[in-house]
Amino acid sequence: MPETAPPIYPDVEPAIRITAMPADANPAGDIFGGWLMAQMDMAAGIIAARHCEGRAATIAVEGMKFENPVHVGDEVSVYATLASVGRTSMVIAIEAWRRPRTGHERQQVTQARFIFVAIDDDRRPRPVPPLTGNVQGAFCG
């Protein structure tokens, strides 16, 4: 059986850390994917709003695949980094990790790219600042 490489944990603080509760799960105790996706969207929204200094709307999610389940009681940590910006858009790279309530071993659950557009008070796209080398929350190169 081939050895698998150890996971590479993000080396920054998570944008969100939350405990998965029974209301977030199916009868078997597995957390709904939609709940996890909502946590990831909130984390991405924090980074997007901070960068564009205002409102931003999710317009797409790319590349989401669930690799491991999340169970009731697990601690879920969501890491977010600003990966790139366009004229009005931002791409946020997201990783979600789980840790059993009484354990220490962490597992990556999923990752995805969330695309946001900065919007003005009339909900129309507006320009965003350029990406700088001093990005808050960066975890991947």
Protein backbone atom coordinates (compact mmCIF):
# COMPACT_ATOMS: atom_id res chain seq x y z
CA MET A 1 0.00 0.00 0.00
CA PRO A 2 1.58 3.35 -1.01
CA GLU A 3 2.26 5.89 1.70
CA THR A 4 0.35 9.13 1.46
CA ALA A 5 2.02 12.44 2.12
CA PRO A 6 1.07 14.10 5.39
CA PRO A 7 -1.44 16.93 5.00
CA ILE A 8 -0.11 20.45 4.70
CA TYR A 9 -2.01 22.54 7.23
CA PRO A 10 -2.64 26.24 6.64
CA ASP A 11 -0.20 28.26 8.75
CA VAL A 12 -2.53 31.19 9.48
CA GLU A 13 -5.54 31.73 11.68
CA PRO A 14 -8.87 30.59 10.21
CA ALA A 15 -11.36 33.17 8.97
CA ILE A 16 -14.08 31.15 10.74
CA ARG A 17 -14.00 28.39 13.36
CA ILE A 18 -17.27 26.75 14.41
CA THR A 19 -18.57 23.54 16.00
CA ALA A 20 -20.87 21.42 13.83
CA MET A 21 -24.19 20.95 15.67
CA PRO A 22 -27.03 18.39 15.39
CA ALA A 23 -29.29 20.87 13.55
CA ASP A 24 -26.65 20.98 10.78
CA ALA A 25 -26.69 17.21 10.19
CA ASN A 26 -28.68 14.43 8.62
CA PRO A 27 -30.10 11.57 10.79
CA ALA A 28 -26.79 9.68 10.52
CA GLY A 29 -24.87 12.57 12.10
CA ASP A 30 -23.10 13.73 8.93
CA ILE A 31 -23.08 17.48 8.33
CA PHE A 32 -24.97 18.77 5.30
CA GLY A 33 -22.74 19.93 2.45
CA GLY A 34 -24.86 23.06 2.10
CA TRP A 35 -24.10 24.04 5.71
CA LEU A 36 -20.39 23.66 5.09
CA MET A 37 -20.62 25.61 1.85
CA ALA A 38 -22.41 28.42 3.70
CA GLN A 39 -19.55 28.61 6.23
CA MET A 40 -17.06 28.78 3.36
CA ASP A 41 -19.09 31.52 1.67
CA MET A 42 -19.12 33.54 4.91
CA ALA A 43 -15.34 33.19 5.26
CA ALA A 44 -14.80 34.23 1.64
CA GLY A 45 -17.17 37.16 2.14
CA ILE A 46 -15.11 38.41 5.08
CA ILE A 47 -11.97 38.52 2.94
CA ALA A 48 -13.79 40.05 -0.05
CA ALA A 49 -15.44 42.81 2.02
CA ARG A 50 -12.17 43.60 3.78
CA HIS A 51 -10.30 43.91 0.47
CA CYS A 52 -12.88 45.97 -1.42
CA GLU A 53 -13.82 47.95 1.72
CA GLY A 54 -17.53 47.47 1.20
CA ARG A 55 -20.22 45.23 -0.18
CA ALA A 56 -19.45 42.22 -2.33
CA ALA A 57 -21.64 39.48 -3.76
CA THR A 58 -20.82 35.84 -4.47
CA ILE A 59 -21.19 35.16 -8.19
CA ALA A 60 -19.63 31.68 -8.55
CA VAL A 61 -18.03 28.75 -6.78
CA GLU A 62 -15.46 26.63 -8.59
CA GLY A 63 -13.93 23.24 -7.93
CA MET A 64 -15.71 22.07 -4.78
CA LYS A 65 -15.33 18.38 -3.96
CA PHE A 66 -16.01 16.84 -0.55
CA GLU A 67 -13.03 14.71 0.48
CA ASN A 68 -13.96 13.79 4.06
CA PRO A 69 -17.19 13.96 6.08
CA VAL A 70 -17.82 16.34 8.96
CA HIS A 71 -19.62 14.89 11.99
CA VAL A 72 -21.70 16.43 14.74
CA GLY A 73 -19.34 17.88 17.34
CA ASP A 74 -16.41 18.37 14.96
CA GLU A 75 -14.59 21.69 15.04
CA VAL A 76 -14.64 23.14 11.53
CA SER A 77 -11.97 25.68 10.57
CA VAL A 78 -12.31 27.62 7.32
CA TYR A 79 -9.23 29.29 5.87
CA ALA A 80 -9.53 32.00 3.22
CA THR A 81 -7.08 33.91 1.08
CA LEU A 82 -7.42 36.49 -1.64
CA ALA A 83 -5.97 34.67 -4.66
CA SER A 84 -6.50 37.25 -7.40
CA VAL A 85 -8.44 40.36 -8.36
CA GLY A 86 -9.84 41.73 -11.59
CA ARG A 87 -11.35 45.13 -12.27
CA THR A 88 -14.48 44.45 -10.17
CA SER A 89 -14.00 40.83 -9.11
CA MET A 90 -12.06 38.91 -6.48
CA VAL A 91 -11.17 35.22 -6.32
CA ILE A 92 -10.99 33.82 -2.78
CA ALA A 93 -9.28 30.46 -2.21
CA ILE A 94 -10.98 28.50 0.59
CA GLU A 95 -10.01 25.38 2.56
CA ALA A 96 -12.23 23.72 5.17
CA TRP A 97 -10.70 21.41 7.79
CA ARG A 98 -12.26 19.29 10.55
CA ARG A 99 -10.96 18.19 13.93
CA PRO A 100 -12.86 15.73 16.13
CA ARG A 101 -14.22 17.32 19.29
CA THR A 102 -12.01 15.20 21.53
CA GLY A 103 -9.09 14.59 19.15
CA HIS A 104 -6.16 16.41 17.64
CA GLU A 105 -5.84 14.98 14.14
CA ARG A 106 -7.10 17.37 11.46
CA GLN A 107 -8.42 16.42 8.03
CA GLN A 108 -9.06 18.62 5.05
CA VAL A 109 -12.74 18.37 4.16
CA THR A 110 -12.93 20.40 0.96
CA GLN A 111 -11.52 23.35 -0.93
CA ALA A 112 -12.92 25.69 -3.54
CA ARG A 113 -12.56 29.06 -5.21
CA PHE A 114 -15.28 31.61 -4.50
CA ILE A 115 -15.67 34.49 -6.94
CA PHE A 116 -17.07 37.79 -5.65
CA VAL A 117 -17.91 41.08 -7.33
CA ALA A 118 -17.65 44.34 -5.42
CA ILE A 119 -20.97 46.21 -5.58
CA ASP A 120 -22.07 49.76 -4.84
CA ASP A 121 -25.22 50.94 -3.03
CA ASP A 122 -27.26 50.32 -6.19
CA ARG A 123 -25.89 46.76 -6.41
CA ARG A 124 -23.86 47.56 -9.52
CA PRO A 125 -20.25 46.35 -9.95
CA ARG A 126 -17.59 48.76 -8.79
CA PRO A 127 -13.77 48.71 -9.07
CA VAL A 128 -11.66 46.94 -6.45
CA PRO A 129 -8.15 47.82 -5.27
CA PRO A 130 -5.27 45.90 -6.87
CA LEU A 131 -3.78 42.87 -5.17
CA THR A 132 -0.76 43.73 -3.03
CA GLY A 133 1.92 41.55 -1.50
CA ASN A 134 0.53 42.18 1.99
CA VAL A 135 -2.67 40.10 1.75
CA GLN A 136 -4.42 39.34 5.04
CA GLY A 137 -5.30 35.67 5.56
CA ALA A 138 -3.02 34.23 2.86
CA PHE A 139 -2.34 30.50 3.19
CA CYS A 140 -1.34 29.29 -0.23
CA GLY A 141 1.19 30.37 -2.80
